[in-house]
C-alpha cells in the first residue's frame, strides 16, 4: 500500500490557480512529519505560490544565496525577472543560463521547470522546451503540451498528452492539458474544454485562472455572453482580480467581438496600461497607437 501524499492538496490548489489556498495548506502540512524530499518540495511550492501572488521580494529573500538549493535559486531568479524592468530582464536570463550550467541542474527537475517558465516569459521557446522535453515529471509533460500548442505542433502536443494520461489519466494536470488541446483544436471541441473547466470549478471552486480559461473556451465556441460573464466574475471584488492582466485582456477582446463601444472598454484598457505596461498585448497596442498617431499627424493642417 502506497504512502499518503501529504502534498496532494497543495499541488492541486496551486495548479488550479488557488494560490492563497495552496499557501495555507502548505503551512498546515508543515506541522506533519514527512520525508526530506517532500519537505523540500513543500518549500518550493510555498515560493511558487508566493511568486504567483506577486510577492516577489519575499521569494527573492527566501530563495537567493549560494547556500540555497538550486531549485530555490531558480525561483528567486524568476521573481527577479518578473519584478525587473524590460531593459534589466536580459541580464536575469543570462544569470539563469549560468545557474543552469551547474552540473546539478541536469538532474534537478524543479530547477528545469522554473527555467522553462522564465524562458517562456522571455519568449525563448527553444530554450524553454529544452528544459522539459524529456518529460521527466508530469509537470514537464504538461509544459510540453503547452509549448507544442504555442508553436502549432499539435502532433507533438498529443504525444506529450498521451504520456501524461499514461502516468495518471485522472490527474488535474492531464485534465488541464486535455482542455488546452480542446481549445487549440477550435470551436468543434471547445465545449469539451468548458465541461472540464466547469467540473474542476465545481470540485475545487472557481479561481481567476479557471474563469479565464473557461472564458477563452467560450469565446472559441462563439459564446461571448457566457465568456463575458466568466470574466466579470474573475474581475469582481470576490476574486480580487480587478488588476489581473489575463482577465483584462480577455474582456477587451470579448467586448470587441460583442461590438461593445470603446467607452465601455476604456477602463479595462486604462487598467492594463497602468498596471501591465510590459505585457505583450499592451506593448502591441501602444505600438499600433503610436503608428496611427504618426500617420494621422501628417494630415493635420
Protein backbone atom coordinates (compact mmCIF):
# COMPACT_ATOMS: atom_id res chain seq x y z
CA UNK A 1 0.00 0.00 0.00
CA UNK A 2 1.44 3.39 -1.07
CA UNK A 3 2.10 6.13 1.45
CA UNK A 4 -0.40 9.02 1.54
CA UNK A 5 0.70 12.06 -0.46
CA UNK A 6 0.87 14.90 2.07
CA UNK A 7 1.30 17.49 -0.69
CA UNK A 8 -1.54 16.42 -2.99
CA UNK A 9 -3.85 19.28 -1.98
CA UNK A 10 -1.01 21.83 -2.01
CA UNK A 11 -0.17 20.91 -5.61
CA UNK A 12 -3.81 20.68 -6.70
CA UNK A 13 -4.68 24.12 -5.39
CA UNK A 14 -1.57 25.59 -6.98
CA UNK A 15 -2.21 24.04 -10.40
CA UNK A 16 -5.80 25.31 -10.36
CA UNK A 17 -4.83 28.89 -9.53
CA UNK A 18 -5.89 28.84 -5.86
CA UNK A 19 -2.54 30.23 -4.77
CA UNK A 20 -3.56 31.58 -1.36
CA UNK A 21 -5.28 28.28 -0.52
CA UNK A 22 -2.19 26.38 -1.65
CA UNK A 23 -0.06 28.54 0.62
CA UNK A 24 -2.39 27.97 3.58
CA UNK A 25 -2.38 24.21 3.01
CA UNK A 26 1.43 24.19 2.73
CA UNK A 27 1.68 25.92 6.10
CA UNK A 28 -0.67 23.38 7.69
CA UNK A 29 1.17 20.32 6.38
CA UNK A 30 4.47 21.79 7.64
CA UNK A 31 3.43 20.61 11.10
CA UNK A 32 3.24 16.99 9.99
CA UNK A 33 6.23 14.64 9.78
CA UNK A 34 7.32 13.96 6.21
CA UNK A 35 10.41 12.67 4.42
CA UNK A 36 13.14 15.15 3.35
CA UNK A 37 12.20 15.16 -0.35
CA UNK A 38 8.62 16.20 0.47
CA UNK A 39 9.87 18.88 2.86
CA UNK A 40 11.98 20.31 0.02
CA UNK A 41 9.06 20.17 -2.39
CA UNK A 42 6.81 21.89 0.15
CA UNK A 43 9.32 24.74 0.47
CA UNK A 44 9.41 25.07 -3.33
CA UNK A 45 5.61 25.10 -3.56
CA UNK A 46 5.45 27.83 -0.93
CA UNK A 47 7.77 30.01 -3.02
CA UNK A 48 5.87 29.18 -6.21
CA UNK A 49 2.60 30.24 -4.60
CA UNK A 50 4.22 33.43 -3.28
CA UNK A 51 5.53 34.10 -6.77
CA UNK A 52 2.09 33.64 -8.31
CA UNK A 53 0.64 36.05 -5.73
CA UNK A 54 3.18 38.68 -6.78
CA UNK A 55 5.19 38.60 -3.55
CA UNK A 56 8.45 38.93 -5.43
CA UNK A 57 10.54 40.43 -2.61
CA UNK A 58 9.61 37.51 -0.36
CA UNK A 59 10.65 34.95 -2.99
CA UNK A 60 13.92 36.75 -3.68
CA UNK A 61 14.74 36.96 0.03
CA UNK A 62 13.94 33.31 0.73
CA UNK A 63 15.44 31.84 -2.45
CA UNK A 64 18.65 33.80 -3.02
CA UNK A 65 22.07 32.70 -1.86
CA UNK A 66 24.64 30.09 -2.84
CA UNK A 67 23.70 28.12 0.27
CA UNK A 68 20.15 27.63 -1.02
CA UNK A 69 19.08 24.64 -3.14
CA UNK A 70 19.34 25.15 -6.89
CA UNK A 71 15.56 24.99 -7.29
CA UNK A 72 15.11 27.83 -4.77
CA UNK A 73 17.76 29.94 -6.50
CA UNK A 74 15.91 29.45 -9.80
CA UNK A 75 12.66 30.64 -8.20
CA UNK A 76 14.45 33.73 -6.88
CA UNK A 77 15.63 34.47 -10.42
CA UNK A 78 12.06 34.07 -11.64
CA UNK A 79 10.93 36.67 -9.11
CA UNK A 80 13.80 38.96 -10.15
CA UNK A 81 12.78 38.60 -13.79
CA UNK A 82 9.13 39.44 -13.15
CA UNK A 83 9.98 42.41 -10.92
CA UNK A 84 12.65 43.84 -13.25
CA UNK A 85 12.27 46.45 -15.96
CA UNK A 86 12.27 45.28 -19.57
CA UNK A 87 15.84 46.52 -20.01
CA UNK A 88 17.08 44.56 -16.99
CA UNK A 89 15.44 41.26 -17.87
CA UNK A 90 18.08 40.00 -20.35
CA UNK A 91 20.69 40.08 -17.57
CA UNK A 92 18.41 37.92 -15.40
CA UNK A 93 18.17 35.42 -18.26
CA UNK A 94 21.98 35.43 -18.50
CA UNK A 95 22.17 34.66 -14.78
CA UNK A 96 19.69 31.83 -15.29
CA UNK A 97 21.87 30.33 -18.01
CA UNK A 98 24.84 30.41 -15.63
CA UNK A 99 22.77 28.75 -12.90
CA UNK A 100 21.55 26.02 -15.27
CA UNK A 101 25.11 25.30 -16.40
CA UNK A 102 25.69 23.86 -12.92
CA UNK A 103 26.12 20.07 -13.28
CA UNK A 104 23.41 19.59 -10.64
CA UNK A 105 20.86 21.22 -12.95
CA UNK A 106 20.90 18.20 -15.28
CA UNK A 107 19.05 16.15 -12.64
CA UNK A 108 17.13 18.91 -10.86
CA UNK A 109 13.65 18.72 -12.37
CA UNK A 110 12.32 21.58 -10.24
CA UNK A 111 15.01 23.98 -11.42
CA UNK A 112 14.40 22.84 -15.00
CA UNK A 113 10.68 23.60 -14.65
CA UNK A 114 11.32 27.09 -13.29
CA UNK A 115 13.88 27.79 -16.01
CA UNK A 116 11.25 26.74 -18.57
CA UNK A 117 8.81 29.28 -17.12
CA UNK A 118 11.39 32.09 -17.25
CA UNK A 119 12.36 31.29 -20.82
CA UNK A 120 8.69 31.32 -21.81
CA UNK A 121 8.30 34.78 -20.27
CA UNK A 122 11.32 35.85 -22.34
CA UNK A 123 9.75 34.26 -25.45
CA UNK A 124 12.71 31.90 -25.77
CA UNK A 125 10.64 28.90 -26.78
CA UNK A 126 13.51 26.65 -27.87
CA UNK A 127 15.33 27.12 -24.57
CA UNK A 128 12.08 26.57 -22.66
CA UNK A 129 11.41 23.31 -24.46
CA UNK A 130 14.97 22.10 -23.93
CA UNK A 131 14.37 22.30 -20.18
CA UNK A 132 11.38 19.93 -20.17
CA UNK A 133 11.31 17.97 -23.44
CA UNK A 134 12.49 14.73 -21.81
CA UNK A 135 9.23 14.66 -19.84
CA UNK A 136 10.87 13.60 -16.60
CA UNK A 137 7.87 14.67 -14.50
CA UNK A 138 4.16 15.22 -15.08
CA UNK A 139 4.67 18.97 -14.83
CA UNK A 140 7.35 18.73 -17.52
CA UNK A 141 4.93 16.87 -19.79
CA UNK A 142 2.19 19.41 -19.10
CA UNK A 143 4.56 22.22 -20.09
CA UNK A 144 5.49 20.34 -23.26
CA UNK A 145 1.82 20.22 -24.22
CA UNK A 146 1.51 23.99 -23.80
CA UNK A 147 4.71 24.78 -25.70
CA UNK A 148 3.84 22.49 -28.60
CA UNK A 149 0.41 24.11 -28.83
CA UNK A 150 2.11 27.52 -28.89
CA UNK A 151 4.29 26.52 -31.87
CA UNK A 152 1.39 24.78 -33.66
CA UNK A 153 2.81 21.27 -33.30
CA UNK A 154 -0.40 19.55 -32.29
CA UNK A 155 1.06 16.16 -33.20
CA UNK A 156 3.78 16.54 -30.58
CA UNK A 157 1.34 18.10 -28.12
CA UNK A 158 -0.84 15.00 -28.43
CA UNK A 159 2.18 12.76 -27.89
CA UNK A 160 3.04 14.55 -24.65
CA UNK A 161 -0.59 14.49 -23.60
CA UNK A 162 -0.79 10.73 -24.16
CA UNK A 163 2.28 10.25 -21.96
CA UNK A 164 0.61 12.42 -19.33
CA UNK A 165 -2.50 10.24 -19.47
CA UNK A 166 -0.43 7.09 -19.17
CA UNK A 167 1.12 8.47 -15.99
CA UNK A 168 -2.26 9.41 -14.44
CA UNK A 169 -5.29 9.93 -16.67
CA UNK A 170 -7.41 11.43 -13.89
CA UNK A 171 -4.80 13.88 -12.65
CA UNK A 172 -5.50 17.61 -12.64
CA UNK A 173 -2.58 18.22 -14.99
CA UNK A 174 -3.97 15.71 -17.50
CA UNK A 175 -7.42 17.30 -17.31
CA UNK A 176 -6.00 20.79 -17.84
CA UNK A 177 -3.85 19.61 -20.75
CA UNK A 178 -6.90 17.97 -22.32
CA UNK A 179 -8.82 21.25 -22.05
CA UNK A 180 -5.95 23.27 -23.56
CA UNK A 181 -5.81 20.88 -26.51
CA UNK A 182 -9.59 21.10 -26.95
CA UNK A 183 -9.38 24.90 -27.13
CA UNK A 184 -6.49 24.75 -29.59
CA UNK A 185 -8.49 22.48 -31.91
CA UNK A 186 -11.17 25.14 -32.29
CA UNK A 187 -14.91 25.51 -31.89
CA UNK A 188 -15.65 21.87 -32.68
CA UNK A 189 -14.13 20.70 -29.38
CA UNK A 190 -14.25 23.85 -27.22
CA UNK A 191 -17.37 22.55 -25.44
CA UNK A 192 -15.18 19.76 -24.03
CA UNK A 193 -12.87 22.39 -22.54
CA UNK A 194 -15.80 24.27 -20.98
CA UNK A 195 -17.00 21.00 -19.45
CA UNK A 196 -13.56 20.22 -17.98
CA UNK A 197 -13.05 23.70 -16.51
CA UNK A 198 -16.61 23.67 -15.17
CA UNK A 199 -16.07 20.30 -13.49
CA UNK A 200 -12.82 21.44 -11.87
CA UNK A 201 -14.52 24.63 -10.68
CA UNK A 202 -17.35 22.64 -9.13
CA UNK A 203 -14.97 20.25 -7.41
CA UNK A 204 -12.34 22.70 -6.18
CA UNK A 205 -14.07 26.08 -6.50
CA UNK A 206 -13.57 28.69 -9.25
CA UNK A 207 -10.35 30.66 -9.46
CA UNK A 208 -9.26 33.57 -11.63
CA UNK A 209 -7.22 31.13 -13.72
CA UNK A 210 -10.13 28.72 -14.24
CA UNK A 211 -12.54 31.56 -15.05
CA UNK A 212 -10.09 32.95 -17.61
CA UNK A 213 -9.68 29.52 -19.18
CA UNK A 214 -13.42 28.97 -19.30
CA UNK A 215 -13.89 32.40 -20.87
CA UNK A 216 -11.37 31.57 -23.61
CA UNK A 217 -13.12 28.26 -24.28
CA UNK A 218 -16.47 30.05 -24.50
CA UNK A 219 -15.05 32.66 -26.88
CA UNK A 220 -13.65 29.95 -29.14
CA UNK A 221 -17.16 28.44 -29.16
CA UNK A 222 -18.62 31.83 -30.06
CA UNK A 223 -20.43 32.12 -26.72
CA UNK A 224 -19.34 35.66 -25.96
CA UNK A 225 -22.01 36.48 -23.39
CA UNK A 226 -21.01 33.43 -21.33
CA UNK A 227 -17.35 34.42 -21.69
CA UNK A 228 -18.09 37.97 -20.57
CA UNK A 229 -19.87 36.58 -17.52
CA UNK A 230 -16.83 34.47 -16.65
CA UNK A 231 -14.53 37.47 -16.97
CA UNK A 232 -16.69 39.84 -14.95
CA UNK A 233 -16.70 37.24 -12.21
CA UNK A 234 -12.89 36.97 -12.41
CA UNK A 235 -12.58 40.76 -12.19
CA UNK A 236 -15.03 41.05 -9.31
CA UNK A 237 -14.10 42.04 -5.78
CA UNK A 238 -14.81 38.48 -4.60
CA UNK A 239 -11.83 37.16 -6.54
CA UNK A 240 -9.66 40.26 -6.25
CA UNK A 241 -8.83 40.05 -9.93
CA UNK A 242 -9.54 43.66 -10.89
CA UNK A 243 -5.91 44.03 -11.98
CA UNK A 244 -5.43 40.57 -13.45
CA UNK A 245 -3.77 41.01 -16.85
CA UNK A 246 -5.28 37.91 -18.45
CA UNK A 247 -8.83 38.83 -17.40
CA UNK A 248 -8.38 42.41 -18.58
CA UNK A 249 -7.03 41.37 -21.98
CA UNK A 250 -9.72 38.75 -22.40
CA UNK A 251 -12.60 41.09 -21.54
CA UNK A 252 -11.31 43.67 -24.03
CA UNK A 253 -11.11 41.02 -26.76
CA UNK A 254 -14.51 39.64 -25.81
CA UNK A 255 -16.00 43.14 -25.85
CA UNK A 256 -14.64 43.71 -29.34
CA UNK A 257 -16.34 40.55 -30.57
CA UNK A 258 -19.58 41.66 -28.92
CA UNK A 259 -19.42 45.10 -30.52
CA UNK A 260 -19.04 46.96 -27.24
CA UNK A 261 -18.44 50.69 -27.54
CA UNK A 262 -14.86 51.93 -26.99
CA UNK A 263 -16.05 53.84 -23.93
CA UNK A 264 -17.24 50.55 -22.37
CA UNK A 265 -13.77 49.04 -22.73
CA UNK A 266 -11.72 52.12 -21.91
CA UNK A 267 -11.45 51.43 -18.17
CA UNK A 268 -10.11 47.94 -18.84
CA UNK A 269 -7.54 49.29 -21.31
CA UNK A 270 -6.52 52.01 -18.87
CA UNK A 271 -6.07 49.43 -16.11
CA UNK A 272 -3.92 47.33 -18.44
CA UNK A 273 -1.71 50.24 -19.46
CA UNK A 274 -1.33 51.43 -15.88
CA UNK A 275 -0.61 48.08 -14.26
CA UNK A 276 0.89 45.95 -17.04
CA UNK A 277 2.94 48.20 -19.30
CA UNK A 278 5.29 45.30 -20.12
CA UNK A 279 2.50 42.93 -21.19
CA UNK A 280 2.82 41.87 -24.87
CA UNK A 281 -0.79 42.92 -25.54
CA UNK A 282 -0.15 46.41 -24.13
CA UNK A 283 3.16 46.75 -25.96
CA UNK A 284 1.50 45.80 -29.23
CA UNK A 285 -1.39 48.18 -28.59
CA UNK A 286 0.91 51.10 -27.76
CA UNK A 287 2.97 50.41 -30.89
CA UNK A 288 -0.13 50.46 -33.10
CA UNK A 289 -1.48 53.60 -31.41
CA UNK A 290 1.86 55.36 -31.86
CA UNK A 291 1.97 54.40 -35.53
CA UNK A 292 -1.56 55.70 -36.00
CA UNK A 293 -0.69 58.99 -34.30
CA UNK A 294 2.37 59.44 -36.53
CA UNK A 295 0.39 58.81 -39.68
CA UNK A 296 -2.61 60.92 -38.67
CA UNK A 297 -0.35 63.87 -37.80
CA UNK A 298 0.68 64.06 -41.47
CA UNK A 299 -2.86 65.05 -42.36
CA UNK A 300 -3.39 67.70 -39.70
CA UNK A 301 -3.48 71.10 -41.35
